[in-house]
Amino acid sequence: MYDDELSRVTLKAETLKKVKKFFGDEIPKEKKKAAEDLCLRMTEVLYMMIMLEEDVQKNGIKTPNGNGKLASNPSIGSYNNLMKTYISLFKQMTEFLGAADKNKNALLDFMKK
């Protein structure tokens, strides 16, 4: 599906746009650069996961190994590892934004005194 370079670049751009849209309004200005770096990493992981999904769809869950027997498609293990990485990045981003909310609430509480 994403065999040509233009399709891959488009997919990455669309994925980055979705990730930024999901977190966009909640990112404080002073943390925007760090948040954008996390968004880029999340985008790369999602992109690789899509490529691995396509490989599994195209070649199947089992693929022939050198002995003529079927073995588990290596893309499945890679996909699972990337899923763990994505979950970790997502958690970092939500904690990052949560810390910003706590700081904002603490500032508001201080200003109310």
Foldseek 3Di string as FASTA:
>chain_A
DQPDPVSLVVQLVVQLVVLCVVCPVLDDPVCVVVLSVLSSVLSVLVSLLVVLVVVCVVQHQWHQDPVRDTDGDPSVVVNVVSVVVNVVSVVVNVVVSVVVVVVVVVVVVVVVD
